[in-house]
Full PDB file with SEQRES, HELIX, SHEET, SSBOND, CRYST1, ORIGX, SCALE, CONECT and MASTER records, all heavy atoms in Angstrom:
SEQRES   1 A   36  ARG VAL MET ALA LEU GLY LYS HIS SER ALA LEU HIS ILE          
SEQRES   2 A   36  MET TYR ALA LEU ASP GLY GLY GLU ALA LYS GLN GLU SER          
SEQRES   3 A   36  THR LEU ASP HIS LEU ALA GLY TYR ALA HIS                      
CRYST1    1.000    1.000    1.000  90.00  90.00  90.00 P 1           1          
ORIGX1      1.000000  0.000000  0.000000        0.00000                         
ORIGX2      0.000000  1.000000  0.000000        0.00000                         
ORIGX3      0.000000  0.000000  1.000000        0.00000                         
SCALE1      1.000000  0.000000  0.000000        0.00000                         
SCALE2      0.000000  1.000000  0.000000        0.00000                         
SCALE3      0.000000  0.000000  1.000000        0.00000                         
ATOM      1  N   ARG A   1       0.843  -1.206  -0.005  1.00  0.00           N  
ATOM      2  CA  ARG A   1       0.001   0.003   0.002  1.00  0.00           C  
ATOM      3  C   ARG A   1       0.882   1.258   0.000  1.00  0.00           C  
ATOM      4  O   ARG A   1       0.586   2.233  -0.692  1.00  0.00           O  
ATOM      5  CB  ARG A   1      -0.919   0.022   1.242  1.00  0.00           C  
ATOM      6  CG  ARG A   1      -1.745  -1.221   1.475  1.00  0.00           C  
ATOM      7  CD  ARG A   1      -2.895  -1.397   0.509  1.00  0.00           C  
ATOM      8  NE  ARG A   1      -2.514  -1.859  -0.805  1.00  0.00           N  
ATOM      9  CZ  ARG A   1      -2.126  -3.123  -1.090  1.00  0.00           C  
ATOM     10  NH1 ARG A   1      -2.032  -4.040  -0.143  1.00  0.00           N  
ATOM     11  NH2 ARG A   1      -1.834  -3.463  -2.333  1.00  0.00           N  
ATOM     12  N   VAL A   2       1.942   1.222   0.780  1.00  0.00           N  
ATOM     13  CA  VAL A   2       2.838   2.378   0.843  1.00  0.00           C  
ATOM     14  C   VAL A   2       3.566   2.579  -0.487  1.00  0.00           C  
ATOM     15  O   VAL A   2       3.678   3.694  -0.984  1.00  0.00           O  
ATOM     16  CB  VAL A   2       3.855   2.209   1.997  1.00  0.00           C  
ATOM     17  CG1 VAL A   2       4.896   3.325   1.979  1.00  0.00           C  
ATOM     18  CG2 VAL A   2       3.130   2.183   3.339  1.00  0.00           C  
ATOM     19  N   MET A   3       4.018   1.482  -1.084  1.00  0.00           N  
ATOM     20  CA  MET A   3       4.772   1.578  -2.343  1.00  0.00           C  
ATOM     21  C   MET A   3       3.890   1.991  -3.508  1.00  0.00           C  
ATOM     22  O   MET A   3       4.391   2.461  -4.537  1.00  0.00           O  
ATOM     23  CB  MET A   3       5.469   0.246  -2.619  1.00  0.00           C  
ATOM     24  CG  MET A   3       6.564  -0.083  -1.613  1.00  0.00           C  
ATOM     25  SD  MET A   3       7.348  -1.695  -1.878  1.00  0.00           S  
ATOM     26  CE  MET A   3       8.253  -1.380  -3.399  1.00  0.00           C  
ATOM     27  N   ALA A   4       2.576   1.826  -3.357  1.00  0.00           N  
ATOM     28  CA  ALA A   4       1.661   2.223  -4.436  1.00  0.00           C  
ATOM     29  C   ALA A   4       1.342   3.709  -4.409  1.00  0.00           C  
ATOM     30  O   ALA A   4       0.702   4.223  -5.330  1.00  0.00           O  
ATOM     31  CB  ALA A   4       0.368   1.416  -4.329  1.00  0.00           C  
ATOM     32  N   LEU A   5       1.795   4.404  -3.369  1.00  0.00           N  
ATOM     33  CA  LEU A   5       1.487   5.829  -3.249  1.00  0.00           C  
ATOM     34  C   LEU A   5       2.225   6.635  -4.293  1.00  0.00           C  
ATOM     35  O   LEU A   5       3.402   6.390  -4.587  1.00  0.00           O  
ATOM     36  CB  LEU A   5       1.873   6.329  -1.857  1.00  0.00           C  
ATOM     37  CG  LEU A   5       1.113   5.741  -0.662  1.00  0.00           C  
ATOM     38  CD1 LEU A   5       1.688   6.285   0.635  1.00  0.00           C  
ATOM     39  CD2 LEU A   5      -0.372   6.029  -0.759  1.00  0.00           C  
ATOM     40  N   GLY A   6       1.549   7.613  -4.853  1.00  0.00           N  
ATOM     41  CA  GLY A   6       2.207   8.552  -5.735  1.00  0.00           C  
ATOM     42  C   GLY A   6       3.038   9.541  -4.930  1.00  0.00           C  
ATOM     43  O   GLY A   6       2.981   9.585  -3.701  1.00  0.00           O  
ATOM     44  N   LYS A   7       3.775  10.363  -5.627  1.00  0.00           N  
ATOM     45  CA  LYS A   7       4.681  11.311  -4.960  1.00  0.00           C  
ATOM     46  C   LYS A   7       3.944  12.254  -4.035  1.00  0.00           C  
ATOM     47  O   LYS A   7       4.441  12.650  -2.989  1.00  0.00           O  
ATOM     48  CB  LYS A   7       5.474  12.083  -6.005  1.00  0.00           C  
ATOM     49  CG  LYS A   7       6.556  12.984  -5.417  1.00  0.00           C  
ATOM     50  CD  LYS A   7       7.398  13.620  -6.507  1.00  0.00           C  
ATOM     51  CE  LYS A   7       8.508  14.465  -5.906  1.00  0.00           C  
ATOM     52  NZ  LYS A   7       9.357  15.091  -6.959  1.00  0.00           N  
ATOM     53  N   HIS A   8       2.711  12.632  -4.427  1.00  0.00           N  
ATOM     54  CA  HIS A   8       1.971  13.615  -3.648  1.00  0.00           C  
ATOM     55  C   HIS A   8       0.690  13.025  -3.032  1.00  0.00           C  
ATOM     56  O   HIS A   8      -0.181  13.770  -2.579  1.00  0.00           O  
ATOM     57  CB  HIS A   8       1.611  14.806  -4.534  1.00  0.00           C  
ATOM     58  CG  HIS A   8       2.787  15.509  -5.115  1.00  0.00           C  
ATOM     59  ND1 HIS A   8       3.684  16.233  -4.349  1.00  0.00           N  
ATOM     60  CD2 HIS A   8       3.252  15.548  -6.407  1.00  0.00           C  
ATOM     61  CE1 HIS A   8       4.624  16.714  -5.135  1.00  0.00           C  
ATOM     62  NE2 HIS A   8       4.395  16.329  -6.380  1.00  0.00           N  
ATOM     63  N   SER A   9       0.577  11.713  -3.019  1.00  0.00           N  
ATOM     64  CA  SER A   9      -0.593  11.084  -2.425  1.00  0.00           C  
ATOM     65  C   SER A   9      -0.300  10.618  -1.012  1.00  0.00           C  
ATOM     66  O   SER A   9       0.856  10.430  -0.644  1.00  0.00           O  
ATOM     67  CB  SER A   9      -1.070   9.897  -3.286  1.00  0.00           C  
ATOM     68  OG  SER A   9      -0.048   8.912  -3.385  1.00  0.00           O  
ATOM     69  N   ALA A  10      -1.342  10.463  -0.230  1.00  0.00           N  
ATOM     70  CA  ALA A  10      -1.199  10.062   1.168  1.00  0.00           C  
ATOM     71  C   ALA A  10      -1.834   8.699   1.406  1.00  0.00           C  
ATOM     72  O   ALA A  10      -2.728   8.284   0.659  1.00  0.00           O  
ATOM     73  CB  ALA A  10      -1.836  11.098   2.090  1.00  0.00           C  
ATOM     74  N   LEU A  11      -1.390   8.036   2.423  1.00  0.00           N  
ATOM     75  CA  LEU A  11      -1.922   6.739   2.800  1.00  0.00           C  
ATOM     76  C   LEU A  11      -3.384   6.879   3.192  1.00  0.00           C  
ATOM     77  O   LEU A  11      -3.775   7.817   3.889  1.00  0.00           O  
ATOM     78  CB  LEU A  11      -1.117   6.189   3.975  1.00  0.00           C  
ATOM     79  CG  LEU A  11      -1.318   4.737   4.382  1.00  0.00           C  
ATOM     80  CD1 LEU A  11      -0.776   3.801   3.298  1.00  0.00           C  
ATOM     81  CD2 LEU A  11      -0.623   4.464   5.711  1.00  0.00           C  
ATOM     82  N   HIS A  12      -4.235   5.947   2.718  1.00  0.00           N  
ATOM     83  CA  HIS A  12      -5.639   5.961   3.132  1.00  0.00           C  
ATOM     84  C   HIS A  12      -5.766   5.367   4.529  1.00  0.00           C  
ATOM     85  O   HIS A  12      -4.936   4.566   4.966  1.00  0.00           O  
ATOM     86  CB  HIS A  12      -6.488   5.144   2.163  1.00  0.00           C  
ATOM     87  CG  HIS A  12      -6.490   5.677   0.767  1.00  0.00           C  
ATOM     88  ND1 HIS A  12      -6.743   6.998   0.465  1.00  0.00           N  
ATOM     89  CD2 HIS A  12      -6.286   5.051  -0.429  1.00  0.00           C  
ATOM     90  CE1 HIS A  12      -6.689   7.176  -0.834  1.00  0.00           C  
ATOM     91  NE2 HIS A  12      -6.408   6.023  -1.407  1.00  0.00           N  
ATOM     92  N   ILE A  13      -6.836   5.727   5.232  1.00  0.00           N  
ATOM     93  CA  ILE A  13      -7.012   5.177   6.581  1.00  0.00           C  
ATOM     94  C   ILE A  13      -7.489   3.739   6.545  1.00  0.00           C  
ATOM     95  O   ILE A  13      -7.302   2.986   7.497  1.00  0.00           O  
ATOM     96  CB  ILE A  13      -7.977   6.028   7.414  1.00  0.00           C  
ATOM     97  CG1 ILE A  13      -9.416   5.883   6.917  1.00  0.00           C  
ATOM     98  CG2 ILE A  13      -7.575   7.482   7.429  1.00  0.00           C  
ATOM     99  CD1 ILE A  13     -10.452   6.405   7.879  1.00  0.00           C  
ATOM    100  N   MET A  14      -8.134   3.343   5.433  1.00  0.00           N  
ATOM    101  CA  MET A  14      -8.634   1.972   5.314  1.00  0.00           C  
ATOM    102  C   MET A  14      -8.575   1.540   3.858  1.00  0.00           C  
ATOM    103  O   MET A  14      -8.546   2.360   2.946  1.00  0.00           O  
ATOM    104  CB  MET A  14     -10.074   1.868   5.826  1.00  0.00           C  
ATOM    105  CG  MET A  14     -11.088   2.560   4.946  1.00  0.00           C  
ATOM    106  SD  MET A  14     -12.804   2.380   5.504  1.00  0.00           S  
ATOM    107  CE  MET A  14     -12.843   3.544   6.839  1.00  0.00           C  
ATOM    108  N   TYR A  15      -8.558   0.223   3.675  1.00  0.00           N  
ATOM    109  CA  TYR A  15      -8.535  -0.364   2.341  1.00  0.00           C  
ATOM    110  C   TYR A  15      -9.458  -1.580   2.325  1.00  0.00           C  
ATOM    111  O   TYR A  15      -9.762  -2.164   3.371  1.00  0.00           O  
ATOM    112  CB  TYR A  15      -7.116  -0.821   1.975  1.00  0.00           C  
ATOM    113  CG  TYR A  15      -6.141   0.302   1.770  1.00  0.00           C  
ATOM    114  CD1 TYR A  15      -5.451   0.851   2.853  1.00  0.00           C  
ATOM    115  CD2 TYR A  15      -5.889   0.829   0.506  1.00  0.00           C  
ATOM    116  CE1 TYR A  15      -4.549   1.886   2.678  1.00  0.00           C  
ATOM    117  CE2 TYR A  15      -4.987   1.858   0.312  1.00  0.00           C  
ATOM    118  CZ  TYR A  15      -4.322   2.390   1.407  1.00  0.00           C  
ATOM    119  OH  TYR A  15      -3.421   3.422   1.222  1.00  0.00           O  
ATOM    120  N   ALA A  16      -9.863  -1.958   1.128  1.00  0.00           N  
ATOM    121  CA  ALA A  16     -10.560  -3.239   0.979  1.00  0.00           C  
ATOM    122  C   ALA A  16      -9.582  -4.347   1.359  1.00  0.00           C  
ATOM    123  O   ALA A  16      -8.363  -4.170   1.355  1.00  0.00           O  
ATOM    124  CB  ALA A  16     -11.035  -3.418  -0.454  1.00  0.00           C  
ATOM    125  N   LEU A  17     -10.115  -5.508   1.673  1.00  0.00           N  
ATOM    126  CA  LEU A  17      -9.265  -6.599   2.148  1.00  0.00           C  
ATOM    127  C   LEU A  17      -8.243  -7.030   1.097  1.00  0.00           C  
ATOM    128  O   LEU A  17      -7.146  -7.497   1.443  1.00  0.00           O  
ATOM    129  CB  LEU A  17     -10.132  -7.797   2.559  1.00  0.00           C  
ATOM    130  CG  LEU A  17     -11.114  -7.515   3.711  1.00  0.00           C  
ATOM    131  CD1 LEU A  17     -11.941  -8.750   4.001  1.00  0.00           C  
ATOM    132  CD2 LEU A  17     -10.367  -7.072   4.953  1.00  0.00           C  
ATOM    133  N   ASP A  18      -8.573  -6.851  -0.182  1.00  0.00           N  
ATOM    134  CA  ASP A  18      -7.619  -7.227  -1.230  1.00  0.00           C  
ATOM    135  C   ASP A  18      -6.629  -6.103  -1.539  1.00  0.00           C  
ATOM    136  O   ASP A  18      -5.828  -6.227  -2.468  1.00  0.00           O  
ATOM    137  CB  ASP A  18      -8.358  -7.632  -2.512  1.00  0.00           C  
ATOM    138  CG  ASP A  18      -9.179  -6.501  -3.126  1.00  0.00           C  
ATOM    139  OD1 ASP A  18      -9.142  -5.359  -2.601  1.00  0.00           O  
ATOM    140  OD2 ASP A  18      -9.843  -6.752  -4.146  1.00  0.00           O  
ATOM    141  N   GLY A  19      -6.685  -5.015  -0.775  1.00  0.00           N  
ATOM    142  CA  GLY A  19      -5.755  -3.909  -0.977  1.00  0.00           C  
ATOM    143  C   GLY A  19      -6.296  -2.816  -1.865  1.00  0.00           C  
ATOM    144  O   GLY A  19      -5.640  -1.781  -2.019  1.00  0.00           O  
ATOM    145  N   GLY A  20      -7.464  -3.028  -2.465  1.00  0.00           N  
ATOM    146  CA  GLY A  20      -8.064  -1.999  -3.301  1.00  0.00           C  
ATOM    147  C   GLY A  20      -8.713  -0.899  -2.483  1.00  0.00           C  
ATOM    148  O   GLY A  20      -8.627  -0.874  -1.248  1.00  0.00           O  
ATOM    149  N   GLU A  21      -9.369  -0.002  -3.173  1.00  0.00           N  
ATOM    150  CA  GLU A  21     -10.018   1.110  -2.498  1.00  0.00           C  
ATOM    151  C   GLU A  21     -11.219   0.615  -1.704  1.00  0.00           C  
ATOM    152  O   GLU A  21     -11.997  -0.212  -2.174  1.00  0.00           O  
ATOM    153  CB  GLU A  21     -10.475   2.141  -3.550  1.00  0.00           C  
ATOM    154  CG  GLU A  21     -10.972   3.452  -2.945  1.00  0.00           C  
ATOM    155  CD  GLU A  21     -11.246   4.486  -4.016  1.00  0.00           C  
ATOM    156  OE1 GLU A  21     -10.789   4.288  -5.157  1.00  0.00           O  
ATOM    157  OE2 GLU A  21     -11.915   5.487  -3.706  1.00  0.00           O  
ATOM    158  N   ALA A  22     -11.364   1.112  -0.482  1.00  0.00           N  
ATOM    159  CA  ALA A  22     -12.512   0.739   0.355  1.00  0.00           C  
ATOM    160  C   ALA A  22     -13.796   1.214  -0.316  1.00  0.00           C  
ATOM    161  O   ALA A  22     -13.826   2.214  -1.027  1.00  0.00           O  
ATOM    162  CB  ALA A  22     -12.371   1.348   1.744  1.00  0.00           C  
ATOM    163  N   LYS A  23     -14.871   0.480  -0.064  1.00  0.00           N  
ATOM    164  CA  LYS A  23     -16.138   0.756  -0.739  1.00  0.00           C  
ATOM    165  C   LYS A  23     -16.790   2.044  -0.241  1.00  0.00           C  
ATOM    166  O   LYS A  23     -16.695   2.389   0.947  1.00  0.00           O  
ATOM    167  CB  LYS A  23     -17.096  -0.412  -0.528  1.00  0.00           C  
ATOM    168  CG  LYS A  23     -16.628  -1.703  -1.166  1.00  0.00           C  
ATOM    169  CD  LYS A  23     -17.574  -2.853  -0.864  1.00  0.00           C  
ATOM    170  CE  LYS A  23     -17.068  -4.153  -1.469  1.00  0.00           C  
ATOM    171  NZ  LYS A  23     -17.945  -5.298  -1.130  1.00  0.00           N  
ATOM    172  N   GLN A  24     -17.460   2.724  -1.165  1.00  0.00           N  
ATOM    173  CA  GLN A  24     -18.213   3.898  -0.794  1.00  0.00           C  
ATOM    174  C   GLN A  24     -19.366   3.509   0.143  1.00  0.00           C  
ATOM    175  O   GLN A  24     -19.881   2.405   0.066  1.00  0.00           O  
ATOM    176  CB  GLN A  24     -18.790   4.582  -2.032  1.00  0.00           C  
ATOM    177  CG  GLN A  24     -17.732   5.210  -2.939  1.00  0.00           C  
ATOM    178  CD  GLN A  24     -18.348   5.939  -4.119  1.00  0.00           C  
ATOM    179  OE1 GLN A  24     -19.562   5.864  -4.338  1.00  0.00           O  
ATOM    180  NE2 GLN A  24     -17.530   6.641  -4.868  1.00  0.00           N  
ATOM    181  N   GLU A  25     -19.752   4.434   0.980  1.00  0.00           N  
ATOM    182  CA  GLU A  25     -20.841   4.161   1.919  1.00  0.00           C  
ATOM    183  C   GLU A  25     -22.189   4.276   1.225  1.00  0.00           C  
ATOM    184  O   GLU A  25     -22.442   5.203   0.468  1.00  0.00           O  
ATOM    185  CB  GLU A  25     -20.766   5.122   3.098  1.00  0.00           C  
ATOM    186  CG  GLU A  25     -21.767   4.832   4.201  1.00  0.00           C  
ATOM    187  CD  GLU A  25     -21.534   5.694   5.419  1.00  0.00           C  
ATOM    188  OE1 GLU A  25     -20.433   5.610   6.003  1.00  0.00           O  
ATOM    189  OE2 GLU A  25     -22.461   6.461   5.767  1.00  0.00           O  
ATOM    190  N   SER A  26     -23.058   3.317   1.485  1.00  0.00           N  
ATOM    191  CA  SER A  26     -24.438   3.359   1.019  1.00  0.00           C  
ATOM    192  C   SER A  26     -25.311   2.725   2.083  1.00  0.00           C  
ATOM    193  O   SER A  26     -24.816   2.132   3.051  1.00  0.00           O  
ATOM    194  CB  SER A  26     -24.593   2.629  -0.322  1.00  0.00           C  
ATOM    195  OG  SER A  26     -24.232   1.256  -0.187  1.00  0.00           O  
ATOM    196  N   THR A  27     -26.626   2.845   1.934  1.00  0.00           N  
ATOM    197  CA  THR A  27     -27.538   2.294   2.938  1.00  0.00           C  
ATOM    198  C   THR A  27     -28.425   1.227   2.337  1.00  0.00           C  
ATOM    199  O   THR A  27     -28.779   1.284   1.155  1.00  0.00           O  
ATOM    200  CB  THR A  27     -28.411   3.399   3.557  1.00  0.00           C  
ATOM    201  OG1 THR A  27     -29.194   4.017   2.536  1.00  0.00           O  
ATOM    202  CG2 THR A  27     -27.547   4.450   4.238  1.00  0.00           C  
ATOM    203  N   LEU A  28     -28.754   0.248   3.145  1.00  0.00           N  
ATOM    204  CA  LEU A  28     -29.662  -0.836   2.748  1.00  0.00           C  
ATOM    205  C   LEU A  28     -31.022  -0.557   3.391  1.00  0.00           C  
ATOM    206  O   LEU A  28     -31.352  -1.074   4.451  1.00  0.00           O  
ATOM    207  CB  LEU A  28     -29.096  -2.190   3.198  1.00  0.00           C  
ATOM    208  CG  LEU A  28     -27.695  -2.533   2.674  1.00  0.00           C  
ATOM    209  CD1 LEU A  28     -27.225  -3.860   3.256  1.00  0.00           C  
ATOM    210  CD2 LEU A  28     -27.658  -2.566   1.158  1.00  0.00           C  
ATOM    211  N   ASP A  29     -31.787   0.277   2.738  1.00  0.00           N  
ATOM    212  CA  ASP A  29     -33.030   0.756   3.334  1.00  0.00           C  
ATOM    213  C   ASP A  29     -34.110  -0.312   3.418  1.00  0.00           C  
ATOM    214  O   ASP A  29     -35.116  -0.125   4.132  1.00  0.00           O  
ATOM    215  CB  ASP A  29     -33.556   1.964   2.553  1.00  0.00           C  
ATOM    216  CG  ASP A  29     -32.584   3.138   2.601  1.00  0.00           C  
ATOM    217  OD1 ASP A  29     -31.926   3.303   3.643  1.00  0.00           O  
ATOM    218  OD2 ASP A  29     -32.472   3.865   1.600  1.00  0.00           O  
ATOM    219  N   HIS A  30     -33.934  -1.416   2.682  1.00  0.00           N  
ATOM    220  CA  HIS A  30     -34.935  -2.481   2.731  1.00  0.00           C  
ATOM    221  C   HIS A  30     -34.797  -3.352   3.982  1.00  0.00           C  
ATOM    222  O   HIS A  30     -35.692  -4.143   4.272  1.00  0.00           O  
ATOM    223  CB  HIS A  30     -34.819  -3.353   1.477  1.00  0.00           C  
ATOM    224  CG  HIS A  30     -33.491  -4.042   1.356  1.00  0.00           C  
ATOM    225  ND1 HIS A  30     -32.335  -3.381   1.027  1.00  0.00           N  
ATOM    226  CD2 HIS A  30     -33.136  -5.343   1.546  1.00  0.00           C  
ATOM    227  CE1 HIS A  30     -31.329  -4.240   0.991  1.00  0.00           C  
ATOM    228  NE2 HIS A  30     -31.782  -5.441   1.318  1.00  0.00           N  
ATOM    229  N   LEU A  31     -33.676  -3.240   4.699  1.00  0.00           N  
ATOM    230  CA  LEU A  31     -33.476  -4.022   5.913  1.00  0.00           C  
ATOM    231  C   LEU A  31     -33.976  -3.245   7.128  1.00  0.00           C  
ATOM    232  O   LEU A  31     -33.735  -2.047   7.261  1.00  0.00           O  
ATOM    233  CB  LEU A  31     -31.993  -4.367   6.094  1.00  0.00           C  
ATOM    234  CG  LEU A  31     -31.385  -5.333   5.073  1.00  0.00           C  
ATOM    235  CD1 LEU A  31     -29.903  -5.538   5.366  1.00  0.00           C  
ATOM    236  CD2 LEU A  31     -32.118  -6.664   5.053  1.00  0.00           C  
ATOM    237  N   ALA A  32     -34.653  -3.950   8.029  1.00  0.00           N  
ATOM    238  CA  ALA A  32     -35.212  -3.321   9.220  1.00  0.00           C  
ATOM    239  C   ALA A  32     -34.144  -2.833  10.178  1.00  0.00           C  
ATOM    240  O   ALA A  32     -34.354  -1.879  10.932  1.00  0.00           O  
ATOM    241  CB  ALA A  32     -36.144  -4.298   9.943  1.00  0.00           C  
ATOM    242  N   GLY A  33     -32.974  -3.468  10.147  1.00  0.00           N  
ATOM    243  CA  GLY A  33     -31.892  -3.119  11.057  1.00  0.00           C  
ATOM    244  C   GLY A  33     -31.989  -3.878  12.363  1.00  0.00           C  
ATOM    245  O   GLY A  33     -33.076  -4.235  12.840  1.00  0.00           O  
ATOM    246  N   TYR A  34     -30.829  -4.153  12.970  1.00  0.00           N  
ATOM    247  CA  TYR A  34     -30.784  -4.823  14.261  1.00  0.00           C  
ATOM    248  C   TYR A  34     -31.521  -3.968  15.294  1.00  0.00           C  
ATOM    249  O   TYR A  34     -31.206  -2.790  15.470  1.00  0.00           O  
ATOM    250  CB  TYR A  34     -29.330  -5.034  14.694  1.00  0.00           C  
ATOM    251  CG  TYR A  34     -29.197  -5.639  16.072  1.00  0.00           C  
ATOM    252  CD1 TYR A  34     -29.238  -7.005  16.243  1.00  0.00           C  
ATOM    253  CD2 TYR A  34     -29.039  -4.822  17.196  1.00  0.00           C  
ATOM    254  CE1 TYR A  34     -29.122  -7.569  17.512  1.00  0.00           C  
ATOM    255  CE2 TYR A  34     -28.930  -5.371  18.454  1.00  0.00           C  
ATOM    256  CZ  TYR A  34     -28.964  -6.758  18.614  1.00  0.00           C  
ATOM    257  OH  TYR A  34     -28.860  -7.286  19.869  1.00  0.00           O  
ATOM    258  N   ALA A  35     -32.522  -4.551  15.953  1.00  0.00           N  
ATOM    259  CA  ALA A  35     -33.337  -3.833  16.947  1.00  0.00           C  
ATOM    260  C   ALA A  35     -33.854  -2.524  16.363  1.00  0.00           C  
ATOM    261  O   ALA A  35     -33.932  -1.502  17.043  1.00  0.00           O  
ATOM    262  CB  ALA A  35     -32.533  -3.567  18.222  1.00  0.00           C  
ATOM    263  N   HIS A  36     -34.208  -2.576  15.063  1.00  0.00           N  
ATOM    264  CA  HIS A  36     -34.762  -1.421  14.340  1.00  0.00           C  
ATOM    265  C   HIS A  36     -33.809  -0.234  14.337  1.00  0.00           C  
ATOM    266  O   HIS A  36     -34.242   0.925  14.365  1.00  0.00           O  
ATOM    267  CB  HIS A  36     -36.119  -1.027  14.933  1.00  0.00           C  
ATOM    268  CG  HIS A  36     -37.128  -2.138  14.896  1.00  0.00           C  
ATOM    269  ND1 HIS A  36     -37.730  -2.554  13.725  1.00  0.00           N  
ATOM    270  CD2 HIS A  36     -37.608  -2.947  15.874  1.00  0.00           C  
ATOM    271  CE1 HIS A  36     -38.554  -3.554  13.990  1.00  0.00           C  
ATOM    272  NE2 HIS A  36     -38.495  -3.824  15.286  1.00  0.00           N  
TER     273      HIS A  36                                                      
MASTER        0    0    0    0    0    0    0    6  272    1    0    3          
END                                                                             
């Protein structure tokens, strides 16, 4: 991850498990949710 950084890029706080970019946040509105 460090070696993949460009000259002016910074380390991300998180990554996908395969080292790729972590997924964007979205919501699953069809699920009721734990304890609503």
